[in-house]
Amino acid sequence: MSSLKEEKCLIAYFSRSGNNNVSGKIVNLQVGNTKLLASMIRERTGGDLFSIDTVQSYPKDYSATVNIAKKELNGNTRPELASRVENMESYNVVFLGYPNWLGTMPMPVFTFLEEYDFSGKTIVPFCTHGGGGMGRSEDDIAKLCPEAKLLKGFSIQGSRVSAAKKDVKDWLESISRMS
């Protein structure tokens, strides 16, 4: 991959607005942190944005969402997605964004990864978190998509996303050199 701008990129992300835990306080986010990060990546790559949305929305209440996320993770649930990427075969690079929920990706991201064939594609994870970094999400992606090339992911605390443009630029430049 000579340059990310020269590749056909999809920026698929799962993000949640509403009540979120930011630095130990519950605050209401009008736009989810991962969506903000996805927009920054789009600015630099020119990729197409795709929001991974579930048929059954998560509650705006933080504690209620955490309880559902725990049940989904413990049950290895695959929530049904509201829409599909119609032309997935046309993308060479898939940026995959999500918040760290309970040490990995939210279960809708597992659903997304299982709905498509990522063989021969490059997956570039990016993650927002409250202190847990990428967790085990990169290992989970590698297990779900063994025929894909997985580049080094980017993680940032949700409370720092709004000031992350330079960090995103530096990360994208570093993975362009590695790929």
C-alpha atoms as a PDB file:
ATOM      1  CA  MET A   1       0.000   0.000   0.000  1.00  0.00           C
ATOM      2  CA  SER A   2       1.821   3.098  -1.158  1.00  0.00           C
ATOM      3  CA  SER A   3      -0.514   5.617   0.433  1.00  0.00           C
ATOM      4  CA  LEU A   4      -3.829   5.332   2.227  1.00  0.00           C
ATOM      5  CA  LYS A   5      -5.207   8.109   0.002  1.00  0.00           C
ATOM      6  CA  GLU A   6      -4.548   5.893  -3.025  1.00  0.00           C
ATOM      7  CA  GLU A   7      -6.417   2.912  -1.565  1.00  0.00           C
ATOM      8  CA  LYS A   8     -10.192   2.454  -1.528  1.00  0.00           C
ATOM      9  CA  CYS A   9     -10.856   2.737   2.196  1.00  0.00           C
ATOM     10  CA  LEU A  10     -13.925   2.000   4.266  1.00  0.00           C
ATOM     11  CA  ILE A  11     -14.129   3.472   7.749  1.00  0.00           C
ATOM     12  CA  ALA A  12     -16.603   1.236   9.579  1.00  0.00           C
ATOM     13  CA  TYR A  13     -17.253   2.179  13.176  1.00  0.00           C
ATOM     14  CA  PHE A  14     -19.514   1.446  16.109  1.00  0.00           C
ATOM     15  CA  SER A  15     -20.131   4.455  18.330  1.00  0.00           C
ATOM     16  CA  ARG A  16     -22.602   5.320  21.039  1.00  0.00           C
ATOM     17  CA  SER A  17     -23.836   8.758  22.051  1.00  0.00           C
ATOM     18  CA  GLY A  18     -25.751   9.441  25.251  1.00  0.00           C
ATOM     19  CA  ASN A  19     -24.464   8.893  28.769  1.00  0.00           C
ATOM     20  CA  ASN A  20     -20.827   7.811  28.858  1.00  0.00           C
ATOM     21  CA  ASN A  21     -18.208   7.428  31.540  1.00  0.00           C
ATOM     22  CA  VAL A  22     -15.559  10.062  30.865  1.00  0.00           C
ATOM     23  CA  SER A  23     -12.697  10.178  33.379  1.00  0.00           C
ATOM     24  CA  GLY A  24     -14.895   8.644  36.064  1.00  0.00           C
ATOM     25  CA  LYS A  25     -17.880  10.969  35.528  1.00  0.00           C
ATOM     26  CA  ILE A  26     -21.075  10.233  33.640  1.00  0.00           C
ATOM     27  CA  VAL A  27     -21.494  12.847  30.905  1.00  0.00           C
ATOM     28  CA  ASN A  28     -23.907  13.135  28.001  1.00  0.00           C
ATOM     29  CA  LEU A  29     -22.179  12.964  24.621  1.00  0.00           C
ATOM     30  CA  GLN A  30     -24.094  14.362  21.660  1.00  0.00           C
ATOM     31  CA  VAL A  31     -21.729  12.493  19.320  1.00  0.00           C
ATOM     32  CA  GLY A  32     -19.929   9.322  20.350  1.00  0.00           C
ATOM     33  CA  ASN A  33     -16.133   9.492  20.698  1.00  0.00           C
ATOM     34  CA  THR A  34     -15.520   6.735  18.154  1.00  0.00           C
ATOM     35  CA  LYS A  35     -17.643   8.571  15.561  1.00  0.00           C
ATOM     36  CA  LEU A  36     -15.498  11.695  16.107  1.00  0.00           C
ATOM     37  CA  LEU A  37     -12.354   9.626  15.602  1.00  0.00           C
ATOM     38  CA  ALA A  38     -13.808   8.022  12.452  1.00  0.00           C
ATOM     39  CA  SER A  39     -14.468  11.509  11.040  1.00  0.00           C
ATOM     40  CA  MET A  40     -10.836  12.504  11.673  1.00  0.00           C
ATOM     41  CA  ILE A  41      -9.641   9.397   9.822  1.00  0.00           C
ATOM     42  CA  ARG A  42     -11.991  10.189   6.935  1.00  0.00           C
ATOM     43  CA  GLU A  43     -10.566  13.731   6.696  1.00  0.00           C
ATOM     44  CA  ARG A  44      -7.076  12.296   6.182  1.00  0.00           C
ATOM     45  CA  THR A  45      -7.868   9.248   4.019  1.00  0.00           C
ATOM     46  CA  GLY A  46     -10.924  10.311   2.023  1.00  0.00           C
ATOM     47  CA  GLY A  47     -12.473   6.933   2.879  1.00  0.00           C
ATOM     48  CA  ASP A  48     -16.178   6.132   2.993  1.00  0.00           C
ATOM     49  CA  LEU A  49     -17.869   6.181   6.408  1.00  0.00           C
ATOM     50  CA  PHE A  50     -20.139   3.332   7.530  1.00  0.00           C
ATOM     51  CA  SER A  51     -21.819   3.336  10.921  1.00  0.00           C
ATOM     52  CA  ILE A  52     -22.270  -0.136  12.431  1.00  0.00           C
ATOM     53  CA  ASP A  53     -25.756   0.231  13.882  1.00  0.00           C
ATOM     54  CA  THR A  54     -27.884  -2.411  15.556  1.00  0.00           C
ATOM     55  CA  VAL A  55     -31.555  -3.073  14.887  1.00  0.00           C
ATOM     56  CA  GLN A  56     -32.132  -2.871  18.659  1.00  0.00           C
ATOM     57  CA  SER A  57     -30.590   0.405  19.863  1.00  0.00           C
ATOM     58  CA  TYR A  58     -28.615   0.552  23.074  1.00  0.00           C
ATOM     59  CA  PRO A  59     -30.110   2.652  25.879  1.00  0.00           C
ATOM     60  CA  LYS A  60     -28.903   6.223  26.366  1.00  0.00           C
ATOM     61  CA  ASP A  61     -28.317   5.315  30.047  1.00  0.00           C
ATOM     62  CA  TYR A  62     -24.719   4.250  30.674  1.00  0.00           C
ATOM     63  CA  SER A  63     -25.394   1.617  33.374  1.00  0.00           C
ATOM     64  CA  ALA A  64     -28.180   0.004  31.343  1.00  0.00           C
ATOM     65  CA  THR A  65     -25.868  -0.221  28.330  1.00  0.00           C
ATOM     66  CA  VAL A  66     -23.076  -1.762  30.429  1.00  0.00           C
ATOM     67  CA  ASN A  67     -25.507  -4.408  31.716  1.00  0.00           C
ATOM     68  CA  ILE A  68     -26.608  -5.288  28.169  1.00  0.00           C
ATOM     69  CA  ALA A  69     -22.988  -5.352  26.964  1.00  0.00           C
ATOM     70  CA  LYS A  70     -22.064  -7.797  29.760  1.00  0.00           C
ATOM     71  CA  LYS A  71     -24.972 -10.092  28.855  1.00  0.00           C
ATOM     72  CA  GLU A  72     -24.028  -9.987  25.160  1.00  0.00           C
ATOM     73  CA  LEU A  73     -20.361 -10.711  25.860  1.00  0.00           C
ATOM     74  CA  ASN A  74     -21.077 -13.506  28.331  1.00  0.00           C
ATOM     75  CA  GLY A  75     -23.589 -15.074  25.927  1.00  0.00           C
ATOM     76  CA  ASN A  76     -21.317 -14.556  22.892  1.00  0.00           C
ATOM     77  CA  THR A  77     -24.330 -12.819  21.309  1.00  0.00           C
ATOM     78  CA  ARG A  78     -24.304 -11.416  17.783  1.00  0.00           C
ATOM     79  CA  PRO A  79     -26.722  -8.468  17.737  1.00  0.00           C
ATOM     80  CA  GLU A  80     -28.509  -7.986  14.419  1.00  0.00           C
ATOM     81  CA  LEU A  81     -27.211  -5.078  12.376  1.00  0.00           C
ATOM     82  CA  ALA A  82     -29.507  -2.460  10.829  1.00  0.00           C
ATOM     83  CA  SER A  83     -27.673  -2.167   7.507  1.00  0.00           C
ATOM     84  CA  ARG A  84     -24.985  -3.707   5.319  1.00  0.00           C
ATOM     85  CA  VAL A  85     -22.068  -2.428   3.258  1.00  0.00           C
ATOM     86  CA  GLU A  86     -23.390  -3.021  -0.250  1.00  0.00           C
ATOM     87  CA  ASN A  87     -20.044  -3.036  -2.057  1.00  0.00           C
ATOM     88  CA  MET A  88     -17.647  -4.496   0.517  1.00  0.00           C
ATOM     89  CA  GLU A  89     -15.659  -6.304  -2.194  1.00  0.00           C
ATOM     90  CA  SER A  90     -14.584  -2.915  -3.611  1.00  0.00           C
ATOM     91  CA  TYR A  91     -12.643  -1.911  -0.473  1.00  0.00           C
ATOM     92  CA  ASN A  92      -8.985  -2.843  -0.017  1.00  0.00           C
ATOM     93  CA  VAL A  93      -8.578  -1.279   3.429  1.00  0.00           C
ATOM     94  CA  VAL A  94     -11.123  -1.337   6.254  1.00  0.00           C
ATOM     95  CA  PHE A  95     -10.576   0.947   9.209  1.00  0.00           C
ATOM     96  CA  LEU A  96     -12.545  -0.612  12.049  1.00  0.00           C
ATOM     97  CA  GLY A  97     -13.520   1.622  14.954  1.00  0.00           C
ATOM     98  CA  TYR A  98     -15.133   0.835  18.286  1.00  0.00           C
ATOM     99  CA  PRO A  99     -15.071   1.670  21.969  1.00  0.00           C
ATOM    100  CA  ASN A 100     -13.403  -0.818  24.314  1.00  0.00           C
ATOM    101  CA  TRP A 101     -16.305  -2.514  26.051  1.00  0.00           C
ATOM    102  CA  LEU A 102     -15.293  -4.970  28.770  1.00  0.00           C
ATOM    103  CA  GLY A 103     -11.821  -5.546  27.345  1.00  0.00           C
ATOM    104  CA  THR A 104     -12.717  -6.021  23.675  1.00  0.00           C
ATOM    105  CA  MET A 105     -14.974  -4.748  20.888  1.00  0.00           C
ATOM    106  CA  PRO A 106     -18.734  -4.416  21.394  1.00  0.00           C
ATOM    107  CA  MET A 107     -20.537  -7.509  20.146  1.00  0.00           C
ATOM    108  CA  PRO A 108     -22.071  -5.701  17.120  1.00  0.00           C
ATOM    109  CA  VAL A 109     -18.510  -5.371  15.783  1.00  0.00           C
ATOM    110  CA  PHE A 110     -18.137  -9.158  16.045  1.00  0.00           C
ATOM    111  CA  THR A 111     -21.368  -9.437  14.010  1.00  0.00           C
ATOM    112  CA  PHE A 112     -19.958  -7.025  11.413  1.00  0.00           C
ATOM    113  CA  LEU A 113     -16.708  -8.977  11.051  1.00  0.00           C
ATOM    114  CA  GLU A 114     -18.581 -12.265  10.606  1.00  0.00           C
ATOM    115  CA  GLU A 115     -20.915 -10.901   7.920  1.00  0.00           C
ATOM    116  CA  TYR A 116     -18.204 -10.276   5.312  1.00  0.00           C
ATOM    117  CA  ASP A 117     -15.202 -12.007   3.786  1.00  0.00           C
ATOM    118  CA  PHE A 118     -12.094 -10.040   4.762  1.00  0.00           C
ATOM    119  CA  SER A 119      -9.670 -12.374   2.960  1.00  0.00           C
ATOM    120  CA  GLY A 120      -6.926 -10.327   1.327  1.00  0.00           C
ATOM    121  CA  LYS A 121      -8.143  -7.067   2.873  1.00  0.00           C
ATOM    122  CA  THR A 122      -6.202  -4.902   5.300  1.00  0.00           C
ATOM    123  CA  ILE A 123      -7.967  -4.193   8.609  1.00  0.00           C
ATOM    124  CA  VAL A 124      -6.832  -1.184  10.606  1.00  0.00           C
ATOM    125  CA  PRO A 125      -8.432  -1.048  14.080  1.00  0.00           C
ATOM    126  CA  PHE A 126      -8.991   2.112  16.077  1.00  0.00           C
ATOM    127  CA  CYS A 127     -10.407   2.214  19.560  1.00  0.00           C
ATOM    128  CA  THR A 128     -11.624   4.683  22.150  1.00  0.00           C
ATOM    129  CA  HIS A 129     -11.411   3.665  25.786  1.00  0.00           C
ATOM    130  CA  GLY A 130     -11.554   4.759  29.402  1.00  0.00           C
ATOM    131  CA  GLY A 131      -8.153   3.338  30.286  1.00  0.00           C
ATOM    132  CA  GLY A 132      -8.084  -0.181  28.836  1.00  0.00           C
ATOM    133  CA  GLY A 133      -6.447   0.607  25.495  1.00  0.00           C
ATOM    134  CA  MET A 134      -7.160  -1.911  22.743  1.00  0.00           C
ATOM    135  CA  GLY A 135      -7.798  -4.660  25.299  1.00  0.00           C
ATOM    136  CA  ARG A 136      -7.805  -8.013  23.503  1.00  0.00           C
ATOM    137  CA  SER A 137      -9.674  -6.640  20.487  1.00  0.00           C
ATOM    138  CA  GLU A 138      -6.758  -7.030  18.049  1.00  0.00           C
ATOM    139  CA  ASP A 139      -6.462 -10.725  18.985  1.00  0.00           C
ATOM    140  CA  ASP A 140     -10.224 -11.116  18.524  1.00  0.00           C
ATOM    141  CA  ILE A 141     -10.055  -9.487  15.065  1.00  0.00           C
ATOM    142  CA  ALA A 142      -7.161 -11.777  14.083  1.00  0.00           C
ATOM    143  CA  LYS A 143      -9.202 -14.855  15.133  1.00  0.00           C
ATOM    144  CA  LEU A 144     -12.317 -13.707  13.263  1.00  0.00           C
ATOM    145  CA  CYS A 145     -10.440 -12.639  10.105  1.00  0.00           C
ATOM    146  CA  PRO A 146      -7.404 -14.934   9.790  1.00  0.00           C
ATOM    147  CA  GLU A 147      -6.991 -14.248   6.041  1.00  0.00           C
ATOM    148  CA  ALA A 148      -6.844 -10.461   6.481  1.00  0.00           C
ATOM    149  CA  LYS A 149      -3.749  -8.365   7.063  1.00  0.00           C
ATOM    150  CA  LEU A 150      -4.062  -6.636  10.435  1.00  0.00           C
ATOM    151  CA  LEU A 151      -2.178  -3.361  10.897  1.00  0.00           C
ATOM    152  CA  LYS A 152      -1.229  -1.831  14.239  1.00  0.00           C
ATOM    153  CA  GLY A 153      -4.256  -0.293  15.856  1.00  0.00           C
ATOM    154  CA  PHE A 154      -4.697   3.150  17.360  1.00  0.00           C
ATOM    155  CA  SER A 155      -6.247   3.675  20.759  1.00  0.00           C
ATOM    156  CA  ILE A 156      -7.006   6.848  22.644  1.00  0.00           C
ATOM    157  CA  GLN A 157      -8.898   7.705  25.797  1.00  0.00           C
ATOM    158  CA  GLY A 158     -12.364   8.963  24.952  1.00  0.00           C
ATOM    159  CA  SER A 159     -11.762  12.151  26.922  1.00  0.00           C
ATOM    160  CA  ARG A 160      -8.836  13.005  24.581  1.00  0.00           C
ATOM    161  CA  VAL A 161     -10.522  12.380  21.215  1.00  0.00           C
ATOM    162  CA  SER A 162     -11.523  15.971  20.504  1.00  0.00           C
ATOM    163  CA  ALA A 163      -7.827  17.012  20.627  1.00  0.00           C
ATOM    164  CA  ALA A 164      -6.496  13.977  18.704  1.00  0.00           C
ATOM    165  CA  LYS A 165      -6.076  15.300  15.135  1.00  0.00           C
ATOM    166  CA  LYS A 166      -2.261  15.339  15.320  1.00  0.00           C
ATOM    167  CA  ASP A 167      -2.177  11.888  16.967  1.00  0.00           C
ATOM    168  CA  VAL A 168      -4.399  10.517  14.180  1.00  0.00           C
ATOM    169  CA  LYS A 169      -2.224  12.146  11.502  1.00  0.00           C
ATOM    170  CA  ASP A 170       0.971  10.696  13.049  1.00  0.00           C
ATOM    171  CA  TRP A 171      -0.573   7.207  13.370  1.00  0.00           C
ATOM    172  CA  LEU A 172      -1.841   7.205   9.775  1.00  0.00           C
ATOM    173  CA  GLU A 173       1.572   8.275   8.522  1.00  0.00           C
ATOM    174  CA  SER A 174       3.259   5.507  10.527  1.00  0.00           C
ATOM    175  CA  ILE A 175       0.947   2.753   9.232  1.00  0.00           C
ATOM    176  CA  SER A 176       1.318   4.025   5.659  1.00  0.00           C
ATOM    177  CA  ARG A 177       5.053   3.427   6.010  1.00  0.00           C
ATOM    178  CA  MET A 178       4.525  -0.053   7.551  1.00  0.00           C
ATOM    179  CA  SER A 179       2.015  -1.320   5.020  1.00  0.00           C
END
